[in-house]
Amino acid sequence: MRKAPLFAALDDDAAEALLSTMTRTKIARGQELFHEGEQGDSLYVITGGKVKLGRRSADGRENLLAILGEGEMLGELSLFDPGPRSATASAIADTELVGLSHQDMTAYLGTRPEIAMTMLSALAARLRRTNEALGDLVF
């Protein structure tokens, strides 16, 4: 879990406390974890296996957004802003994950507010990379 950028700066106690609130999930190759447009409220960290993120156009074409492996996270938007999923996540190998719900994260941050700044910094860095990638596509 601590390989994920959002949790990398957590100390051992903070990481253990957070991990105790997370749910373990296994999905088989070809199985969807979540589907674009579904309501979401959880972040997942891959502890083994691989997941592809993609979007489908109205005419059925698929746009591959990313292939994620061990230590990488997905669904972080829904963790802080529960709402429709922006992509579909499918296992491309048998995969194990740990999940954290919006409700559990809110309770965790209530007991450890100093962790919020670390997480905000990680999210800001990810948004910065996304903006740079979007700028590259536009220009």
Protein backbone atom coordinates (compact mmCIF):
# COMPACT_ATOMS: atom_id res chain seq x y z
CA MET A 1 0.00 0.00 0.00
CA ARG A 2 2.83 2.44 0.82
CA LYS A 3 4.07 2.20 -2.77
CA ALA A 4 1.00 4.23 -3.79
CA PRO A 5 1.85 7.95 -4.03
CA LEU A 6 -1.08 8.98 -1.86
CA PHE A 7 0.22 6.90 1.06
CA ALA A 8 3.99 6.94 0.48
CA ALA A 9 4.78 9.53 3.16
CA LEU A 10 2.78 7.83 5.92
CA ASP A 11 4.80 6.62 8.90
CA ASP A 12 4.47 2.99 10.01
CA ASP A 13 1.77 3.68 12.62
CA ALA A 14 -0.32 5.78 10.25
CA ALA A 15 0.00 3.19 7.48
CA GLU A 16 -1.00 0.32 9.78
CA ALA A 17 -4.00 2.25 11.10
CA LEU A 18 -5.16 3.01 7.57
CA LEU A 19 -4.57 -0.53 6.32
CA SER A 20 -6.74 -1.89 9.12
CA THR A 21 -9.71 0.03 7.68
CA MET A 22 -9.16 -1.22 4.12
CA THR A 23 -10.98 -4.15 2.48
CA ARG A 24 -9.18 -6.86 0.52
CA THR A 25 -10.60 -7.76 -2.90
CA LYS A 26 -9.67 -10.35 -5.51
CA ILE A 27 -10.73 -10.19 -9.15
CA ALA A 28 -10.03 -12.73 -11.85
CA ARG A 29 -8.49 -11.93 -15.22
CA GLY A 30 -11.15 -10.33 -17.44
CA GLN A 31 -13.39 -9.30 -14.53
CA GLU A 32 -14.36 -5.64 -14.05
CA LEU A 33 -13.69 -3.93 -10.75
CA PHE A 34 -15.90 -1.00 -11.68
CA HIS A 35 -17.52 0.41 -14.81
CA GLU A 36 -17.43 3.92 -16.26
CA GLY A 37 -20.48 5.89 -15.11
CA GLU A 38 -21.17 3.73 -12.04
CA GLN A 39 -21.40 5.50 -8.72
CA GLY A 40 -18.10 5.17 -6.87
CA ASP A 41 -16.79 6.04 -3.44
CA SER A 42 -13.63 3.94 -3.06
CA LEU A 43 -9.97 4.04 -3.92
CA TYR A 44 -8.07 0.82 -4.64
CA VAL A 45 -4.37 -0.03 -4.33
CA ILE A 46 -3.14 -3.01 -6.34
CA THR A 47 -1.24 -5.46 -4.14
CA GLY A 48 -0.72 -8.03 -6.90
CA GLY A 49 -1.67 -8.41 -10.57
CA LYS A 50 -2.54 -5.85 -13.24
CA VAL A 51 -5.54 -3.66 -14.08
CA LYS A 52 -6.32 -1.72 -17.24
CA LEU A 53 -8.24 1.54 -17.17
CA GLY A 54 -10.20 2.48 -20.25
CA ARG A 55 -13.07 4.53 -21.61
CA ARG A 56 -15.52 3.65 -24.36
CA SER A 57 -16.76 6.05 -27.01
CA ALA A 58 -20.42 6.18 -28.07
CA ASP A 59 -19.58 4.03 -31.11
CA GLY A 60 -17.94 1.33 -28.94
CA ARG A 61 -14.26 2.11 -29.48
CA GLU A 62 -12.07 1.74 -26.40
CA ASN A 63 -9.46 4.28 -25.33
CA LEU A 64 -6.81 2.69 -23.12
CA LEU A 65 -5.90 5.15 -20.37
CA ALA A 66 -3.41 3.10 -18.36
CA ILE A 67 -2.12 -0.30 -17.35
CA LEU A 68 -1.53 -0.37 -13.60
CA GLY A 69 0.44 -2.84 -11.51
CA GLU A 70 1.46 -3.55 -7.95
CA GLY A 71 1.62 -0.48 -5.71
CA GLU A 72 -0.40 1.69 -8.05
CA MET A 73 -3.78 3.15 -7.15
CA LEU A 74 -7.01 3.77 -8.99
CA GLY A 75 -10.33 5.36 -8.14
CA GLU A 76 -8.83 8.16 -6.08
CA LEU A 77 -11.27 10.75 -7.49
CA SER A 78 -14.18 8.86 -5.92
CA LEU A 79 -12.40 8.70 -2.59
CA PHE A 80 -12.57 12.46 -2.13
CA ASP A 81 -15.51 13.27 -4.41
CA PRO A 82 -17.96 10.36 -4.58
CA GLY A 83 -19.61 10.35 -7.97
CA PRO A 84 -19.67 8.56 -11.30
CA ARG A 85 -16.56 6.61 -12.26
CA SER A 86 -14.62 8.26 -15.08
CA ALA A 87 -13.29 4.97 -16.50
CA THR A 88 -13.75 1.20 -16.46
CA ALA A 89 -11.23 -0.87 -14.49
CA SER A 90 -10.69 -4.47 -15.66
CA ALA A 91 -8.21 -7.09 -14.48
CA ILE A 92 -5.78 -8.24 -17.18
CA ALA A 93 -4.33 -10.81 -14.76
CA ASP A 94 -5.63 -12.31 -11.54
CA THR A 95 -5.44 -9.31 -9.24
CA GLU A 96 -5.53 -8.55 -5.53
CA LEU A 97 -6.36 -5.09 -4.21
CA VAL A 98 -7.09 -3.26 -1.00
CA GLY A 99 -9.94 -0.76 -1.05
CA LEU A 100 -10.66 2.30 1.04
CA SER A 101 -14.10 3.91 1.11
CA HIS A 102 -14.87 7.62 1.31
CA GLN A 103 -16.52 7.09 4.70
CA ASP A 104 -13.49 5.24 6.14
CA MET A 105 -11.09 7.86 4.76
CA THR A 106 -13.13 10.68 6.29
CA ALA A 107 -13.11 8.96 9.68
CA TYR A 108 -9.36 8.26 9.41
CA LEU A 109 -8.53 11.88 8.56
CA GLY A 110 -10.68 12.99 11.52
CA THR A 111 -8.28 11.19 13.84
CA ARG A 112 -5.10 12.15 11.93
CA PRO A 113 -5.68 15.54 10.26
CA GLU A 114 -1.94 16.07 9.64
CA ILE A 115 -2.08 13.26 7.05
CA ALA A 116 -4.45 15.34 4.90
CA MET A 117 -1.65 17.69 3.76
CA THR A 118 0.46 14.75 2.61
CA MET A 119 -2.46 13.39 0.61
CA LEU A 120 -3.31 16.78 -0.86
CA SER A 121 0.29 17.18 -2.01
CA ALA A 122 0.18 13.78 -3.74
CA LEU A 123 -3.10 14.63 -5.46
CA ALA A 124 -1.77 18.03 -6.54
CA ALA A 125 1.29 16.38 -8.10
CA ARG A 126 -0.95 13.96 -10.00
CA LEU A 127 -3.16 16.82 -11.23
CA ARG A 128 -0.06 18.72 -12.35
CA ARG A 129 1.10 15.71 -14.41
CA THR A 130 -2.37 15.38 -15.92
CA ASN A 131 -2.42 19.06 -16.89
CA GLU A 132 1.01 18.72 -18.51
CA ALA A 133 -0.14 15.66 -20.47
CA LEU A 134 -3.27 17.49 -21.59
CA GLY A 135 -1.16 20.47 -22.70
CA ASP A 136 1.05 18.14 -24.72
CA LEU A 137 -2.01 16.67 -26.44
CA VAL A 138 -3.44 20.09 -27.26
CA PHE A 139 -0.20 21.52 -28.63
